Amino acid sequence: MTTQSLTLETEPRDATGRKVRALRRQGATPLHLYGRGLASLTLQASSIAIQRLVARAGRNIPISVTVKGNPEPHVAFIREIQRDPITEDILHVDFFQVPLAEKMRAAVPVYFKGEAPAVRRLSGNLVQAIHAIEVECLPLDMPQYVEVDVSGLIDFEQAIYVSSIKLGDAVTILTDPSELIARVNPPRVVEEVAAPVAEVTEAATEEGEEGETEPGKET
């Protein structure tokens, strides 16, 4: 899927250290924006806007970050997210600005679409071997995710490999083409093997004989 650029409005931040807690209580999240040739910017943005952005962007979608008072946007990617270890609330986000004319590498999530007939008809188990592929391209060409159609998996002999993914000339797939993505395995059959009654009886008899002692002998 082609990337749809997201936007984020920010403003310069004066609060640092312990004052950041008060900033969060006011509904703002502290941010940092940095990159090659760019002095680190200390920023803040609406916590609600940040939560929505993180949920949509992940780490491989370009974000147009605007700073209040500066009309020139910065194209950046989320580099690091700091969360509260108990509540999972977002405490801080780092954004990394990238040159638009230089290629970059990123891991793109792989999602399945469709239904595998071998699962429905043969009661097989659909297995996803990898959940992301490594790609290289210009920032604005970075795919948001890759969809893999599993409707062609009609039996246990078929499989889908990285070589079947086509992202166009603008995106180079770096993951090994022979890498397995998906296949349907036969259902697992648990066989309960019961020991024959005769063998169990014989084993119990032998154990009883070994434990016996002759009359009058001390053990």
N, C-alpha and C. Protein backbone atom coordinates (compact mmCIF):
# COMPACT_ATOMS: atom_id res chain seq x y z
N MET A 1 0.85 -1.20 0.00
CA MET A 1 0.00 0.00 0.00
C MET A 1 0.87 1.24 0.00
N THR A 2 0.51 2.23 -0.82
CA THR A 2 1.28 3.47 -0.89
C THR A 2 1.07 4.31 0.36
N THR A 3 2.12 4.97 0.77
CA THR A 3 2.06 5.76 1.98
C THR A 3 1.22 7.01 1.80
N GLN A 4 0.41 7.31 2.78
CA GLN A 4 -0.31 8.57 2.84
C GLN A 4 0.34 9.41 3.94
N SER A 5 0.88 10.56 3.56
CA SER A 5 1.60 11.39 4.52
C SER A 5 0.66 11.91 5.60
N LEU A 6 1.13 11.90 6.83
CA LEU A 6 0.36 12.40 7.96
C LEU A 6 0.93 13.75 8.39
N THR A 7 0.16 14.50 9.16
CA THR A 7 0.62 15.82 9.60
C THR A 7 0.51 15.93 11.12
N LEU A 8 1.35 16.78 11.69
CA LEU A 8 1.33 17.05 13.12
C LEU A 8 1.69 18.50 13.36
N GLU A 9 0.84 19.20 14.08
CA GLU A 9 1.09 20.59 14.44
C GLU A 9 1.73 20.63 15.83
N THR A 10 2.86 21.31 15.94
CA THR A 10 3.57 21.41 17.22
C THR A 10 3.88 22.87 17.51
N GLU A 11 4.42 23.11 18.69
CA GLU A 11 4.89 24.44 19.05
C GLU A 11 6.12 24.31 19.94
N PRO A 12 6.96 25.32 19.97
CA PRO A 12 8.17 25.25 20.81
C PRO A 12 7.81 24.98 22.27
N ARG A 13 8.69 24.26 22.95
CA ARG A 13 8.45 23.89 24.35
C ARG A 13 9.52 24.50 25.24
N ASP A 14 9.05 25.15 26.31
CA ASP A 14 9.96 25.72 27.30
C ASP A 14 10.11 24.80 28.51
N ALA A 15 9.07 24.02 28.79
CA ALA A 15 9.08 23.16 29.98
C ALA A 15 10.08 22.03 29.81
N THR A 16 10.95 21.86 30.81
CA THR A 16 11.91 20.76 30.83
C THR A 16 11.99 20.21 32.26
N GLY A 17 12.65 19.09 32.42
CA GLY A 17 12.83 18.51 33.75
C GLY A 17 11.51 18.21 34.42
N ARG A 18 11.38 18.64 35.68
CA ARG A 18 10.18 18.35 36.46
C ARG A 18 8.95 19.08 35.94
N LYS A 19 9.15 20.16 35.22
CA LYS A 19 8.02 20.93 34.69
C LYS A 19 7.26 20.16 33.61
N VAL A 20 7.89 19.11 33.07
CA VAL A 20 7.25 18.34 32.02
C VAL A 20 6.01 17.64 32.54
N ARG A 21 6.00 17.25 33.82
CA ARG A 21 4.83 16.59 34.39
C ARG A 21 3.62 17.51 34.35
N ALA A 22 3.82 18.76 34.68
CA ALA A 22 2.73 19.72 34.62
C ALA A 22 2.25 19.89 33.19
N LEU A 23 3.19 19.84 32.25
CA LEU A 23 2.83 19.96 30.83
C LEU A 23 1.90 18.82 30.42
N ARG A 24 2.21 17.61 30.86
CA ARG A 24 1.38 16.46 30.52
C ARG A 24 -0.01 16.58 31.15
N ARG A 25 -0.07 17.10 32.38
CA ARG A 25 -1.37 17.27 33.04
C ARG A 25 -2.24 18.27 32.29
N GLN A 26 -1.62 19.16 31.56
CA GLN A 26 -2.34 20.15 30.77
C GLN A 26 -2.76 19.63 29.40
N GLY A 27 -2.45 18.36 29.13
CA GLY A 27 -2.88 17.75 27.88
C GLY A 27 -1.91 17.87 26.74
N ALA A 28 -0.62 18.09 27.05
CA ALA A 28 0.40 18.20 26.00
C ALA A 28 1.47 17.14 26.23
N THR A 29 2.07 16.69 25.15
CA THR A 29 3.13 15.68 25.20
C THR A 29 4.44 16.29 24.71
N PRO A 30 5.52 16.12 25.46
CA PRO A 30 6.82 16.66 25.02
C PRO A 30 7.39 15.86 23.84
N LEU A 31 8.04 16.57 22.92
CA LEU A 31 8.61 15.97 21.72
C LEU A 31 10.00 16.49 21.47
N HIS A 32 10.76 15.73 20.67
CA HIS A 32 12.04 16.19 20.14
C HIS A 32 12.05 15.92 18.64
N LEU A 33 12.56 16.87 17.88
CA LEU A 33 12.74 16.70 16.44
C LEU A 33 14.20 16.95 16.13
N TYR A 34 14.83 15.98 15.49
CA TYR A 34 16.25 16.13 15.16
C TYR A 34 16.52 15.43 13.84
N GLY A 35 17.71 15.63 13.32
CA GLY A 35 18.08 15.00 12.06
C GLY A 35 19.37 15.61 11.54
N ARG A 36 19.86 15.06 10.46
CA ARG A 36 21.10 15.54 9.88
C ARG A 36 20.92 16.98 9.36
N GLY A 37 21.83 17.85 9.81
CA GLY A 37 21.76 19.25 9.39
C GLY A 37 20.69 20.05 10.08
N LEU A 38 20.09 19.48 11.12
CA LEU A 38 19.02 20.17 11.84
C LEU A 38 19.35 20.20 13.32
N ALA A 39 19.34 21.40 13.89
CA ALA A 39 19.54 21.52 15.34
C ALA A 39 18.32 20.92 16.04
N SER A 40 18.56 20.17 17.11
CA SER A 40 17.47 19.52 17.82
C SER A 40 16.44 20.54 18.29
N LEU A 41 15.17 20.27 18.01
CA LEU A 41 14.08 21.17 18.40
C LEU A 41 13.30 20.55 19.56
N THR A 42 13.10 21.33 20.60
CA THR A 42 12.32 20.90 21.76
C THR A 42 10.90 21.39 21.57
N LEU A 43 9.96 20.46 21.41
CA LEU A 43 8.60 20.82 21.01
C LEU A 43 7.56 20.18 21.93
N GLN A 44 6.33 20.53 21.67
CA GLN A 44 5.21 19.90 22.36
C GLN A 44 4.01 19.90 21.42
N ALA A 45 3.09 18.95 21.67
CA ALA A 45 1.88 18.85 20.85
C ALA A 45 0.76 18.28 21.70
N SER A 46 -0.45 18.41 21.19
CA SER A 46 -1.61 17.89 21.89
C SER A 46 -1.45 16.38 22.12
N SER A 47 -1.69 15.94 23.35
CA SER A 47 -1.55 14.52 23.67
C SER A 47 -2.53 13.67 22.86
N ILE A 48 -3.74 14.20 22.64
CA ILE A 48 -4.73 13.47 21.85
C ILE A 48 -4.24 13.30 20.42
N ALA A 49 -3.67 14.38 19.86
CA ALA A 49 -3.14 14.31 18.49
C ALA A 49 -1.99 13.32 18.39
N ILE A 50 -1.15 13.29 19.42
CA ILE A 50 -0.01 12.36 19.42
C ILE A 50 -0.49 10.92 19.49
N GLN A 51 -1.47 10.64 20.32
CA GLN A 51 -2.00 9.28 20.44
C GLN A 51 -2.56 8.79 19.12
N ARG A 52 -3.30 9.64 18.44
CA ARG A 52 -3.87 9.26 17.14
C ARG A 52 -2.78 9.06 16.10
N LEU A 53 -1.79 9.93 16.14
CA LEU A 53 -0.70 9.85 15.17
C LEU A 53 0.09 8.56 15.33
N VAL A 54 0.46 8.23 16.56
CA VAL A 54 1.24 7.02 16.83
C VAL A 54 0.46 5.78 16.40
N ALA A 55 -0.85 5.77 16.64
CA ALA A 55 -1.67 4.62 16.28
C ALA A 55 -1.70 4.42 14.76
N ARG A 56 -1.61 5.50 14.00
CA ARG A 56 -1.70 5.41 12.53
C ARG A 56 -0.34 5.29 11.86
N ALA A 57 0.65 5.94 12.42
CA ALA A 57 1.92 6.08 11.69
C ALA A 57 2.87 4.92 11.87
N GLY A 58 2.93 4.34 13.05
CA GLY A 58 3.98 3.35 13.28
C GLY A 58 5.33 4.03 13.14
N ARG A 59 6.30 3.32 12.56
CA ARG A 59 7.63 3.89 12.41
C ARG A 59 8.08 3.99 10.95
N ASN A 60 7.18 3.73 10.02
CA ASN A 60 7.59 3.74 8.63
C ASN A 60 6.73 4.64 7.74
N ILE A 61 6.00 5.56 8.36
CA ILE A 61 5.18 6.48 7.59
C ILE A 61 5.70 7.90 7.81
N PRO A 62 5.97 8.64 6.73
CA PRO A 62 6.47 10.01 6.88
C PRO A 62 5.41 10.93 7.47
N ILE A 63 5.86 11.82 8.32
CA ILE A 63 4.97 12.76 8.99
C ILE A 63 5.44 14.17 8.71
N SER A 64 4.53 15.03 8.28
CA SER A 64 4.85 16.43 8.05
C SER A 64 4.66 17.18 9.37
N VAL A 65 5.76 17.51 10.00
CA VAL A 65 5.73 18.17 11.31
C VAL A 65 5.88 19.69 11.11
N THR A 66 4.88 20.44 11.52
CA THR A 66 4.96 21.90 11.43
C THR A 66 5.16 22.47 12.82
N VAL A 67 5.97 23.50 12.90
CA VAL A 67 6.25 24.17 14.17
C VAL A 67 5.63 25.56 14.12
N LYS A 68 4.88 25.92 15.15
CA LYS A 68 4.22 27.22 15.20
C LYS A 68 5.24 28.34 15.03
N GLY A 69 4.93 29.25 14.11
CA GLY A 69 5.85 30.35 13.84
C GLY A 69 6.81 30.08 12.70
N ASN A 70 6.82 28.83 12.19
CA ASN A 70 7.70 28.47 11.09
C ASN A 70 6.87 27.79 10.00
N PRO A 71 6.69 28.41 8.85
CA PRO A 71 5.82 27.85 7.81
C PRO A 71 6.41 26.63 7.10
N GLU A 72 7.72 26.40 7.24
CA GLU A 72 8.37 25.30 6.54
C GLU A 72 8.20 23.99 7.32
N PRO A 73 7.51 23.00 6.75
CA PRO A 73 7.31 21.73 7.46
C PRO A 73 8.57 20.86 7.43
N HIS A 74 8.66 19.97 8.40
CA HIS A 74 9.75 19.01 8.47
C HIS A 74 9.18 17.61 8.21
N VAL A 75 9.71 16.92 7.22
CA VAL A 75 9.28 15.54 6.96
C VAL A 75 10.10 14.61 7.85
N ALA A 76 9.43 13.91 8.71
CA ALA A 76 10.14 13.10 9.71
C ALA A 76 9.42 11.78 9.96
N PHE A 77 10.13 10.87 10.62
CA PHE A 77 9.57 9.58 11.02
C PHE A 77 9.67 9.46 12.54
N ILE A 78 8.75 8.71 13.12
CA ILE A 78 8.84 8.44 14.56
C ILE A 78 10.05 7.55 14.80
N ARG A 79 10.94 7.98 15.67
CA ARG A 79 12.15 7.21 15.95
C ARG A 79 12.03 6.47 17.28
N GLU A 80 11.48 7.11 18.28
CA GLU A 80 11.38 6.46 19.61
C GLU A 80 10.16 6.98 20.35
N ILE A 81 9.51 6.05 21.06
CA ILE A 81 8.33 6.39 21.87
C ILE A 81 8.58 5.93 23.29
N GLN A 82 8.46 6.85 24.22
CA GLN A 82 8.62 6.51 25.64
C GLN A 82 7.24 6.43 26.28
N ARG A 83 6.97 5.31 26.95
CA ARG A 83 5.66 5.10 27.57
C ARG A 83 5.78 4.86 29.06
N ASP A 84 4.71 5.14 29.76
CA ASP A 84 4.64 4.83 31.18
C ASP A 84 4.59 3.31 31.33
N PRO A 85 5.47 2.71 32.15
CA PRO A 85 5.52 1.25 32.25
C PRO A 85 4.25 0.63 32.83
N ILE A 86 3.43 1.41 33.51
CA ILE A 86 2.21 0.87 34.13
C ILE A 86 0.97 1.18 33.30
N THR A 87 0.79 2.45 32.95
CA THR A 87 -0.42 2.86 32.23
C THR A 87 -0.29 2.76 30.72
N GLU A 88 0.95 2.66 30.20
CA GLU A 88 1.21 2.63 28.76
C GLU A 88 0.91 3.98 28.09
N ASP A 89 0.70 5.03 28.89
CA ASP A 89 0.50 6.36 28.32
C ASP A 89 1.79 6.83 27.66
N ILE A 90 1.65 7.59 26.56
CA ILE A 90 2.82 8.12 25.87
C ILE A 90 3.39 9.30 26.65
N LEU A 91 4.67 9.19 27.01
CA LEU A 91 5.32 10.23 27.80
C LEU A 91 6.17 11.17 26.94
N HIS A 92 6.74 10.63 25.86
CA HIS A 92 7.66 11.43 25.05
C HIS A 92 7.84 10.75 23.69
N VAL A 93 8.01 11.57 22.65
CA VAL A 93 8.21 11.02 21.31
C VAL A 93 9.36 11.75 20.64
N ASP A 94 10.25 10.98 20.00
CA ASP A 94 11.34 11.54 19.20
C ASP A 94 11.01 11.39 17.72
N PHE A 95 11.20 12.46 16.96
CA PHE A 95 11.01 12.43 15.52
C PHE A 95 12.35 12.67 14.83
N PHE A 96 12.58 11.91 13.76
CA PHE A 96 13.83 12.03 13.03
C PHE A 96 13.55 12.54 11.62
N GLN A 97 14.11 13.71 11.31
CA GLN A 97 13.93 14.29 9.99
C GLN A 97 14.85 13.62 8.98
N VAL A 98 14.31 13.32 7.79
CA VAL A 98 15.09 12.65 6.76
C VAL A 98 15.13 13.51 5.50
N PRO A 99 16.24 13.46 4.76
CA PRO A 99 16.31 14.16 3.47
C PRO A 99 15.39 13.49 2.46
N LEU A 100 14.55 14.23 1.79
CA LEU A 100 13.58 13.65 0.87
C LEU A 100 14.22 13.06 -0.37
N ALA A 101 15.43 13.52 -0.69
CA ALA A 101 16.09 13.04 -1.91
C ALA A 101 16.98 11.84 -1.67
N GLU A 102 17.07 11.37 -0.43
CA GLU A 102 17.93 10.22 -0.11
C GLU A 102 17.09 9.01 0.28
N LYS A 103 17.50 7.85 -0.22
CA LYS A 103 16.77 6.63 0.09
C LYS A 103 17.01 6.21 1.53
N MET A 104 16.03 5.53 2.08
CA MET A 104 16.12 5.05 3.45
C MET A 104 15.62 3.61 3.50
N ARG A 105 15.97 2.93 4.58
CA ARG A 105 15.54 1.55 4.78
C ARG A 105 14.58 1.49 5.97
N ALA A 106 13.62 0.58 5.86
CA ALA A 106 12.67 0.41 6.95
C ALA A 106 12.02 -0.96 6.85
N ALA A 107 11.47 -1.40 7.98
CA ALA A 107 10.72 -2.65 8.02
C ALA A 107 9.25 -2.33 7.81
N VAL A 108 8.65 -2.98 6.82
CA VAL A 108 7.25 -2.73 6.49
C VAL A 108 6.41 -3.93 6.93
N PRO A 109 5.35 -3.70 7.71
CA PRO A 109 4.52 -4.82 8.18
C PRO A 109 3.86 -5.57 7.03
N VAL A 110 3.67 -6.88 7.24
CA VAL A 110 3.00 -7.74 6.26
C VAL A 110 1.68 -8.21 6.87
N TYR A 111 0.59 -7.96 6.16
CA TYR A 111 -0.73 -8.40 6.61
C TYR A 111 -1.35 -9.32 5.56
N PHE A 112 -2.18 -10.25 6.02
CA PHE A 112 -2.88 -11.17 5.13
C PHE A 112 -4.25 -10.61 4.75
N LYS A 113 -4.67 -10.93 3.54
CA LYS A 113 -6.04 -10.64 3.13
C LYS A 113 -6.60 -11.89 2.44
N GLY A 114 -7.93 -12.00 2.45
CA GLY A 114 -8.56 -13.17 1.87
C GLY A 114 -8.59 -14.35 2.84
N GLU A 115 -9.09 -15.45 2.35
CA GLU A 115 -9.20 -16.67 3.16
C GLU A 115 -8.54 -17.82 2.42
N ALA A 116 -7.74 -18.59 3.12
CA ALA A 116 -7.05 -19.73 2.51
C ALA A 116 -8.00 -20.93 2.45
N PRO A 117 -8.32 -21.42 1.25
CA PRO A 117 -9.22 -22.58 1.13
C PRO A 117 -8.74 -23.80 1.92
N ALA A 118 -7.42 -23.98 2.02
CA ALA A 118 -6.89 -25.14 2.74
C ALA A 118 -7.23 -25.09 4.23
N VAL A 119 -7.51 -23.90 4.73
CA VAL A 119 -7.93 -23.79 6.13
C VAL A 119 -9.39 -24.19 6.27
N ARG A 120 -10.21 -23.67 5.37
CA ARG A 120 -11.65 -23.92 5.46
C ARG A 120 -12.01 -25.35 5.07
N ARG A 121 -11.43 -25.85 3.97
CA ARG A 121 -11.83 -27.16 3.47
C ARG A 121 -11.07 -28.33 4.10
N LEU A 122 -9.79 -28.07 4.44
CA LEU A 122 -8.96 -29.17 4.94
C LEU A 122 -8.63 -29.04 6.43
N SER A 123 -9.21 -28.02 7.07
CA SER A 123 -8.98 -27.79 8.50
C SER A 123 -7.50 -27.58 8.82
N GLY A 124 -6.78 -26.95 7.88
CA GLY A 124 -5.36 -26.69 8.09
C GLY A 124 -5.12 -25.47 8.96
N ASN A 125 -3.87 -25.25 9.30
CA ASN A 125 -3.48 -24.12 10.13
C ASN A 125 -2.64 -23.14 9.30
N LEU A 126 -3.14 -21.91 9.16
CA LEU A 126 -2.42 -20.88 8.40
C LEU A 126 -1.26 -20.37 9.23
N VAL A 127 -0.07 -20.42 8.68
CA VAL A 127 1.14 -20.01 9.40
C VAL A 127 1.74 -18.80 8.71
N GLN A 128 2.01 -17.75 9.48
CA GLN A 128 2.70 -16.56 8.96
C GLN A 128 4.14 -16.61 9.45
N ALA A 129 5.06 -16.87 8.52
CA ALA A 129 6.46 -17.07 8.88
C ALA A 129 7.17 -15.77 9.22
N ILE A 130 6.88 -14.70 8.50
CA ILE A 130 7.48 -13.40 8.80
C ILE A 130 6.37 -12.35 8.86
N HIS A 131 6.58 -11.34 9.68
CA HIS A 131 5.56 -10.30 9.88
C HIS A 131 5.97 -8.95 9.31
N ALA A 132 7.16 -8.87 8.71
CA ALA A 132 7.61 -7.62 8.10
C ALA A 132 8.70 -7.93 7.08
N ILE A 133 8.82 -7.06 6.09
CA ILE A 133 9.91 -7.19 5.12
C ILE A 133 10.73 -5.89 5.12
N GLU A 134 12.00 -6.01 4.82
CA GLU A 134 12.90 -4.86 4.78
C GLU A 134 12.89 -4.28 3.36
N VAL A 135 12.69 -2.96 3.26
CA VAL A 135 12.66 -2.31 1.94
C VAL A 135 13.55 -1.08 1.95
N GLU A 136 13.85 -0.60 0.75
CA GLU A 136 14.63 0.63 0.58
C GLU A 136 13.96 1.49 -0.49
N CYS A 137 13.78 2.78 -0.19
CA CYS A 137 13.16 3.68 -1.14
C CYS A 137 13.27 5.11 -0.63
N LEU A 138 12.79 6.06 -1.41
CA LEU A 138 12.74 7.44 -0.96
C LEU A 138 11.67 7.56 0.13
N PRO A 139 11.83 8.50 1.05
CA PRO A 139 10.90 8.59 2.19
C PRO A 139 9.42 8.64 1.80
N LEU A 140 9.10 9.41 0.77
CA LEU A 140 7.69 9.56 0.40
C LEU A 140 7.15 8.37 -0.38
N ASP A 141 8.01 7.43 -0.75
CA ASP A 141 7.58 6.20 -1.43
C ASP A 141 7.45 5.03 -0.48
N MET A 142 7.73 5.25 0.79
CA MET A 142 7.72 4.15 1.76
C MET A 142 6.30 3.58 1.92
N PRO A 143 6.11 2.27 1.68
CA PRO A 143 4.78 1.68 1.85
C PRO A 143 4.37 1.68 3.32
N GLN A 144 3.09 1.88 3.54
CA GLN A 144 2.58 1.83 4.91
C GLN A 144 2.57 0.40 5.42
N TYR A 145 2.15 -0.51 4.54
CA TYR A 145 2.17 -1.94 4.85
C TYR A 145 2.06 -2.71 3.54
N VAL A 146 2.21 -4.02 3.62
CA VAL A 146 2.12 -4.89 2.45
C VAL A 146 1.01 -5.90 2.70
N GLU A 147 0.10 -6.03 1.72
CA GLU A 147 -0.97 -7.01 1.82
C GLU A 147 -0.62 -8.25 1.00
N VAL A 148 -0.78 -9.40 1.60
CA VAL A 148 -0.52 -10.67 0.92
C VAL A 148 -1.82 -11.45 0.85
N ASP A 149 -2.24 -11.77 -0.37
CA ASP A 149 -3.48 -12.51 -0.59
C ASP A 149 -3.23 -14.01 -0.40
N VAL A 150 -3.92 -14.60 0.56
CA VAL A 150 -3.72 -16.03 0.87
C VAL A 150 -4.81 -16.91 0.26
N SER A 151 -5.67 -16.32 -0.58
CA SER A 151 -6.78 -17.09 -1.14
C SER A 151 -6.32 -18.15 -2.14
N GLY A 152 -5.04 -18.10 -2.54
CA GLY A 152 -4.52 -19.10 -3.46
C GLY A 152 -3.97 -20.34 -2.79
N LEU A 153 -3.97 -20.37 -1.48
CA LEU A 153 -3.46 -21.53 -0.74
C LEU A 153 -4.57 -22.57 -0.63
N ILE A 154 -4.68 -23.42 -1.66
CA ILE A 154 -5.79 -24.37 -1.71
C ILE A 154 -5.44 -25.73 -1.13
N ASP A 155 -4.14 -25.99 -0.93
CA ASP A 155 -3.75 -27.25 -0.32
C ASP A 155 -2.47 -27.06 0.49
N PHE A 156 -1.95 -28.14 1.05
CA PHE A 156 -0.78 -28.06 1.93
C PHE A 156 0.54 -27.99 1.16
N GLU A 157 0.49 -28.14 -0.14
CA GLU A 157 1.71 -28.11 -0.95
C GLU A 157 2.09 -26.71 -1.40
N GLN A 158 1.17 -25.77 -1.30
CA GLN A 158 1.42 -24.43 -1.79
C GLN A 158 1.93 -23.52 -0.68
N ALA A 159 2.67 -22.48 -1.09
CA ALA A 159 3.22 -21.52 -0.13
C ALA A 159 3.44 -20.19 -0.83
N ILE A 160 3.58 -19.14 -0.05
CA ILE A 160 3.83 -17.79 -0.57
C ILE A 160 5.18 -17.33 -0.06
N TYR A 161 6.01 -16.83 -0.98
CA TYR A 161 7.35 -16.38 -0.64
C TYR A 161 7.49 -14.88 -0.91
N VAL A 162 8.56 -14.31 -0.39
CA VAL A 162 8.81 -12.88 -0.57
C VAL A 162 8.88 -12.52 -2.05
N SER A 163 9.34 -13.42 -2.87
CA SER A 163 9.47 -13.17 -4.31
C SER A 163 8.15 -12.84 -4.98
N SER A 164 7.03 -13.19 -4.33
CA SER A 164 5.72 -12.92 -4.93
C SER A 164 5.24 -11.49 -4.68
N ILE A 165 5.93 -10.75 -3.81
CA ILE A 165 5.52 -9.38 -3.50
C ILE A 165 6.04 -8.42 -4.56
N LYS A 166 5.16 -7.58 -5.07
CA LYS A 166 5.52 -6.58 -6.06
C LYS A 166 5.14 -5.20 -5.53
N LEU A 167 6.14 -4.33 -5.37
CA LEU A 167 5.90 -2.99 -4.83
C LEU A 167 6.22 -1.89 -5.83
N GLY A 168 6.53 -2.24 -7.06
CA GLY A 168 6.83 -1.23 -8.06
C GLY A 168 8.32 -0.89 -8.11
N ASP A 169 8.68 -0.12 -9.13
CA ASP A 169 10.08 0.21 -9.36
C ASP A 169 10.66 1.14 -8.31
N ALA A 170 9.82 1.90 -7.61
CA ALA A 170 10.31 2.89 -6.65
C ALA A 170 10.76 2.26 -5.34
N VAL A 171 10.37 1.01 -5.10
CA VAL A 171 10.68 0.35 -3.82
C VAL A 171 11.49 -0.91 -4.08
N THR A 172 12.63 -1.02 -3.42
CA THR A 172 13.47 -2.21 -3.52
C THR A 172 13.28 -3.08 -2.28
N ILE A 173 12.94 -4.34 -2.50
CA ILE A 173 12.77 -5.27 -1.38
C ILE A 173 14.12 -5.89 -1.06
N LEU A 174 14.56 -5.74 0.17
CA LEU A 174 15.87 -6.23 0.60
C LEU A 174 15.81 -7.62 1.23
N THR A 175 14.65 -8.02 1.69
CA THR A 175 14.50 -9.34 2.30
C THR A 175 14.73 -10.42 1.24
N ASP A 176 15.37 -11.52 1.63
CA ASP A 176 15.65 -12.63 0.72
C ASP A 176 14.37 -13.09 0.01
N PRO A 177 14.37 -13.11 -1.34
CA PRO A 177 13.17 -13.51 -2.08
C PRO A 177 12.69 -14.92 -1.75
N SER A 178 13.60 -15.79 -1.31
CA SER A 178 13.21 -17.17 -1.00
C SER A 178 12.62 -17.33 0.40
N GLU A 179 12.53 -16.23 1.12
CA GLU A 179 12.00 -16.30 2.48
C GLU A 179 10.50 -16.62 2.45
N LEU A 180 10.11 -17.59 3.27
CA LEU A 180 8.70 -17.99 3.34
C LEU A 180 7.87 -16.94 4.06
N ILE A 181 6.70 -16.65 3.51
CA ILE A 181 5.77 -15.73 4.16
C ILE A 181 4.60 -16.50 4.78
N ALA A 182 3.97 -17.35 3.96
CA ALA A 182 2.78 -18.04 4.46
C ALA A 182 2.63 -19.42 3.82
N ARG A 183 2.05 -20.30 4.60
CA ARG A 183 1.65 -21.61 4.10
C ARG A 183 0.61 -22.18 5.05
N VAL A 184 -0.07 -23.22 4.61
CA VAL A 184 -1.06 -23.87 5.47
C VAL A 184 -0.55 -25.25 5.82
N ASN A 185 -0.40 -25.50 7.10
CA ASN A 185 0.07 -26.81 7.58
C ASN A 185 -1.11 -27.73 7.87
N PRO A 186 -0.91 -29.03 7.71
CA PRO A 186 -1.98 -29.98 8.04
C PRO A 186 -2.36 -29.86 9.51
N PRO A 187 -3.59 -30.22 9.85
CA PRO A 187 -4.00 -30.16 11.27
C PRO A 187 -3.19 -31.13 12.11
N ARG A 188 -2.91 -30.74 13.31
CA ARG A 188 -2.15 -31.60 14.21
C ARG A 188 -3.07 -32.66 14.79
N VAL A 189 -2.63 -33.92 14.70
CA VAL A 189 -3.42 -35.04 15.23
C VAL A 189 -2.69 -35.61 16.42
N VAL A 190 -3.36 -35.59 17.56
CA VAL A 190 -2.78 -36.13 18.79
C VAL A 190 -3.25 -37.56 18.96
N GLU A 191 -2.33 -38.50 18.88
CA GLU A 191 -2.68 -39.91 19.02
C GLU A 191 -2.39 -40.38 20.44
N GLU A 192 -3.42 -40.95 21.05
CA GLU A 192 -3.26 -41.50 22.40
C GLU A 192 -3.00 -43.00 22.26
N VAL A 193 -1.82 -43.43 22.65
CA VAL A 193 -1.45 -44.84 22.54
C VAL A 193 -1.60 -45.48 23.92
N ALA A 194 -2.56 -46.40 24.04
CA ALA A 194 -2.79 -47.08 25.31
C ALA A 194 -1.99 -48.37 25.35
N ALA A 195 -1.30 -48.62 26.45
CA ALA A 195 -0.52 -49.86 26.58
C ALA A 195 -1.47 -51.04 26.69
N PRO A 196 -1.19 -52.13 26.00
CA PRO A 196 -2.04 -53.33 26.09
C PRO A 196 -2.19 -53.79 27.54
N VAL A 197 -3.40 -54.25 27.87
CA VAL A 197 -3.67 -54.67 29.24
C VAL A 197 -2.74 -55.79 29.66
N ALA A 198 -2.45 -56.73 28.75
CA ALA A 198 -1.59 -57.87 29.08
C ALA A 198 -0.21 -57.41 29.49
N GLU A 199 0.35 -56.39 28.77
CA GLU A 199 1.68 -55.91 29.07
C GLU A 199 1.70 -55.22 30.43
N VAL A 200 0.65 -54.46 30.73
CA VAL A 200 0.59 -53.77 32.02
C VAL A 200 0.52 -54.78 33.15
N THR A 201 -0.29 -55.83 32.95
CA THR A 201 -0.43 -56.86 33.99
C THR A 201 0.89 -57.58 34.21
N GLU A 202 1.56 -57.91 33.11
CA GLU A 202 2.83 -58.63 33.20
C GLU A 202 3.88 -57.79 33.91
N ALA A 203 3.91 -56.48 33.58
CA ALA A 203 4.89 -55.60 34.21
C ALA A 203 4.64 -55.49 35.70
N ALA A 204 3.36 -55.45 36.09
CA ALA A 204 3.03 -55.35 37.50
C ALA A 204 3.42 -56.63 38.23
N THR A 205 3.24 -57.80 37.57
CA THR A 205 3.59 -59.09 38.18
C THR A 205 5.08 -59.19 38.42
N GLU A 206 5.88 -58.79 37.39
CA GLU A 206 7.34 -58.85 37.52
C GLU A 206 7.82 -57.94 38.64
N GLU A 207 7.19 -56.77 38.75
CA GLU A 207 7.60 -55.85 39.81
C GLU A 207 7.30 -56.43 41.17
N GLY A 208 6.15 -57.14 41.29
CA GLY A 208 5.79 -57.74 42.56
C GLY A 208 6.74 -58.86 42.94
N GLU A 209 7.18 -59.65 41.92
CA GLU A 209 8.10 -60.74 42.19
C GLU A 209 9.46 -60.23 42.64
N GLU A 210 9.92 -59.14 42.06
CA GLU A 210 11.22 -58.61 42.43
C GLU A 210 11.20 -58.07 43.85
N GLY A 211 10.03 -57.65 44.29
CA GLY A 211 9.96 -57.06 45.64
C GLY A 211 9.78 -58.11 46.74
N GLU A 212 9.54 -59.41 46.40
CA GLU A 212 9.30 -60.45 47.39
C GLU A 212 10.63 -60.95 47.99
N THR A 213 10.59 -61.42 49.22
CA THR A 213 11.76 -62.02 49.87
C THR A 213 11.37 -63.41 50.38
N GLU A 214 12.36 -64.28 50.53
CA GLU A 214 12.08 -65.62 51.02
C GLU A 214 11.69 -65.55 52.49
N PRO A 215 10.80 -66.47 52.95
CA PRO A 215 10.38 -66.48 54.36
C PRO A 215 11.58 -66.66 55.27
N GLY A 216 11.60 -65.90 56.34
CA GLY A 216 12.67 -66.05 57.34
C GLY A 216 13.90 -65.22 57.02
N LYS A 217 13.98 -64.65 55.80
CA LYS A 217 15.14 -63.84 55.45
C LYS A 217 14.87 -62.39 55.81
N GLU A 218 15.89 -61.78 56.33
CA GLU A 218 15.74 -60.35 56.65
C GLU A 218 16.05 -59.56 55.38
N THR A 219 15.34 -58.49 55.27
CA THR A 219 15.56 -57.62 54.12
C THR A 219 16.51 -56.52 54.48
